[in-house]
Amino acid sequence: MIDMRNMNQMAVRDLYLHDNIDIDNVEWFGVDWGGPSPTESDTTLVDVQDAACPFSREEMTLLHSINPCQDSCSFGVDIYVLALNLLLV
């Protein structure tokens, strides 16, 4: 797990220096006790407007005829091009 060739890296060096890891306290793993704590005043509400669909009903019907989960040999690019051609025609 530890690469002995990279002893100058801080994470690897810390593993060697701090051998008193408390395995019984894993629910606090990843908590930065030295970091800032969140407060109630830090949370703010954001009102996001509904986005208008740029497609007409006819275009949406055409787009729904395409199965985005169909097999693709080009990582979905062929499905995208098919949808684009339907909209441009």
C-alpha atoms as a PDB file:
ATOM      1  CA  MET A   1       0.000   0.000   0.000  1.00  0.00           C
ATOM      2  CA  ILE A   2       2.799   2.434   0.804  1.00  0.00           C
ATOM      3  CA  ASP A   3       5.381   3.104  -1.862  1.00  0.00           C
ATOM      4  CA  MET A   4       8.787   3.200  -0.202  1.00  0.00           C
ATOM      5  CA  ARG A   5      10.270   5.144  -3.136  1.00  0.00           C
ATOM      6  CA  ASN A   6       8.110   8.198  -2.375  1.00  0.00           C
ATOM      7  CA  MET A   7       9.122   8.858   1.237  1.00  0.00           C
ATOM      8  CA  ASN A   8       9.226  12.641   0.689  1.00  0.00           C
ATOM      9  CA  GLN A   9       5.487  12.895   0.170  1.00  0.00           C
ATOM     10  CA  MET A  10       3.681  14.366   3.161  1.00  0.00           C
ATOM     11  CA  ALA A  11       0.848  11.834   3.280  1.00  0.00           C
ATOM     12  CA  VAL A  12       3.207   8.877   3.336  1.00  0.00           C
ATOM     13  CA  ARG A  13       5.456  10.532   5.904  1.00  0.00           C
ATOM     14  CA  ASP A  14       2.451  11.252   8.139  1.00  0.00           C
ATOM     15  CA  LEU A  15       1.542   7.577   8.098  1.00  0.00           C
ATOM     16  CA  TYR A  16       4.946   6.762   9.492  1.00  0.00           C
ATOM     17  CA  LEU A  17       5.014   9.556  12.078  1.00  0.00           C
ATOM     18  CA  HIS A  18       1.481   9.177  13.461  1.00  0.00           C
ATOM     19  CA  ASP A  19       1.038   5.563  14.409  1.00  0.00           C
ATOM     20  CA  ASN A  20      -1.588   6.365  17.071  1.00  0.00           C
ATOM     21  CA  ILE A  21      -4.608   6.125  14.753  1.00  0.00           C
ATOM     22  CA  ASP A  22      -7.849   5.530  16.687  1.00  0.00           C
ATOM     23  CA  ILE A  23      -9.637   2.814  14.720  1.00  0.00           C
ATOM     24  CA  ASP A  24     -12.563   2.740  17.178  1.00  0.00           C
ATOM     25  CA  ASN A  25     -13.549   6.313  16.280  1.00  0.00           C
ATOM     26  CA  VAL A  26     -14.235   5.872  12.559  1.00  0.00           C
ATOM     27  CA  GLU A  27     -17.485   7.894  12.575  1.00  0.00           C
ATOM     28  CA  TRP A  28     -15.350  11.040  12.869  1.00  0.00           C
ATOM     29  CA  PHE A  29     -13.046  10.039  10.009  1.00  0.00           C
ATOM     30  CA  GLY A  30     -12.551  12.994   7.663  1.00  0.00           C
ATOM     31  CA  VAL A  31     -13.695  15.662  10.145  1.00  0.00           C
ATOM     32  CA  ASP A  32     -11.356  18.634  10.150  1.00  0.00           C
ATOM     33  CA  TRP A  33     -11.454  19.733  13.764  1.00  0.00           C
ATOM     34  CA  GLY A  34      -9.138  22.636  12.993  1.00  0.00           C
ATOM     35  CA  GLY A  35     -11.322  23.903  10.161  1.00  0.00           C
ATOM     36  CA  PRO A  36     -14.158  26.433  10.292  1.00  0.00           C
ATOM     37  CA  SER A  37     -17.469  25.239  11.701  1.00  0.00           C
ATOM     38  CA  PRO A  38     -20.717  25.873   9.832  1.00  0.00           C
ATOM     39  CA  THR A  39     -23.216  28.154  11.491  1.00  0.00           C
ATOM     40  CA  GLU A  40     -26.891  28.814  10.926  1.00  0.00           C
ATOM     41  CA  SER A  41     -26.075  32.211   9.393  1.00  0.00           C
ATOM     42  CA  ASP A  42     -23.868  30.542   6.759  1.00  0.00           C
ATOM     43  CA  THR A  43     -26.856  28.926   5.060  1.00  0.00           C
ATOM     44  CA  THR A  44     -28.724  31.018   2.540  1.00  0.00           C
ATOM     45  CA  LEU A  45     -31.707  30.277   0.355  1.00  0.00           C
ATOM     46  CA  VAL A  46     -31.418  30.615  -3.382  1.00  0.00           C
ATOM     47  CA  ASP A  47     -34.506  31.082  -5.520  1.00  0.00           C
ATOM     48  CA  VAL A  48     -33.983  29.496  -8.933  1.00  0.00           C
ATOM     49  CA  GLN A  49     -36.364  30.414 -11.718  1.00  0.00           C
ATOM     50  CA  ASP A  50     -37.890  27.639 -13.815  1.00  0.00           C
ATOM     51  CA  ALA A  51     -36.098  27.226 -17.121  1.00  0.00           C
ATOM     52  CA  ALA A  52     -38.143  27.581 -20.269  1.00  0.00           C
ATOM     53  CA  CYS A  53     -37.860  24.710 -22.732  1.00  0.00           C
ATOM     54  CA  PRO A  54     -36.441  25.969 -26.043  1.00  0.00           C
ATOM     55  CA  PHE A  55     -38.150  23.203 -28.069  1.00  0.00           C
ATOM     56  CA  SER A  56     -41.654  23.181 -29.530  1.00  0.00           C
ATOM     57  CA  ARG A  57     -44.101  20.329 -28.858  1.00  0.00           C
ATOM     58  CA  GLU A  58     -43.326  18.817 -32.263  1.00  0.00           C
ATOM     59  CA  GLU A  59     -39.597  18.878 -31.576  1.00  0.00           C
ATOM     60  CA  MET A  60     -40.131  17.306 -28.154  1.00  0.00           C
ATOM     61  CA  THR A  61     -42.177  14.519 -29.752  1.00  0.00           C
ATOM     62  CA  LEU A  62     -39.329  13.857 -32.175  1.00  0.00           C
ATOM     63  CA  LEU A  63     -36.782  13.835 -29.357  1.00  0.00           C
ATOM     64  CA  HIS A  64     -38.870  11.389 -27.323  1.00  0.00           C
ATOM     65  CA  SER A  65     -38.700   8.938 -30.229  1.00  0.00           C
ATOM     66  CA  ILE A  66     -34.942   8.537 -29.599  1.00  0.00           C
ATOM     67  CA  ASN A  67     -33.816   6.059 -26.966  1.00  0.00           C
ATOM     68  CA  PRO A  68     -30.819   7.650 -25.218  1.00  0.00           C
ATOM     69  CA  CYS A  69     -29.941   4.279 -23.648  1.00  0.00           C
ATOM     70  CA  GLN A  70     -29.603   2.434 -26.939  1.00  0.00           C
ATOM     71  CA  ASP A  71     -26.341   0.730 -27.823  1.00  0.00           C
ATOM     72  CA  SER A  72     -23.685   3.044 -29.158  1.00  0.00           C
ATOM     73  CA  CYS A  73     -20.289   2.262 -30.606  1.00  0.00           C
ATOM     74  CA  SER A  74     -19.099   5.875 -30.277  1.00  0.00           C
ATOM     75  CA  PHE A  75     -19.910   6.743 -26.644  1.00  0.00           C
ATOM     76  CA  GLY A  76     -23.289   8.268 -27.541  1.00  0.00           C
ATOM     77  CA  VAL A  77     -22.027  10.639 -30.215  1.00  0.00           C
ATOM     78  CA  ASP A  78     -24.077   8.818 -32.853  1.00  0.00           C
ATOM     79  CA  ILE A  79     -27.221   9.188 -30.711  1.00  0.00           C
ATOM     80  CA  TYR A  80     -26.511  12.890 -30.251  1.00  0.00           C
ATOM     81  CA  VAL A  81     -26.022  13.372 -34.005  1.00  0.00           C
ATOM     82  CA  LEU A  82     -29.295  11.531 -34.662  1.00  0.00           C
ATOM     83  CA  ALA A  83     -31.145  13.855 -32.283  1.00  0.00           C
ATOM     84  CA  LEU A  84     -29.454  16.892 -33.796  1.00  0.00           C
ATOM     85  CA  ASN A  85     -30.395  15.798 -37.337  1.00  0.00           C
ATOM     86  CA  LEU A  86     -34.021  15.336 -36.272  1.00  0.00           C
ATOM     87  CA  LEU A  87     -34.132  18.894 -34.949  1.00  0.00           C
ATOM     88  CA  LEU A  88     -32.342  20.491 -37.925  1.00  0.00           C
ATOM     89  CA  VAL A  89     -34.503  18.875 -40.621  1.00  0.00           C
END
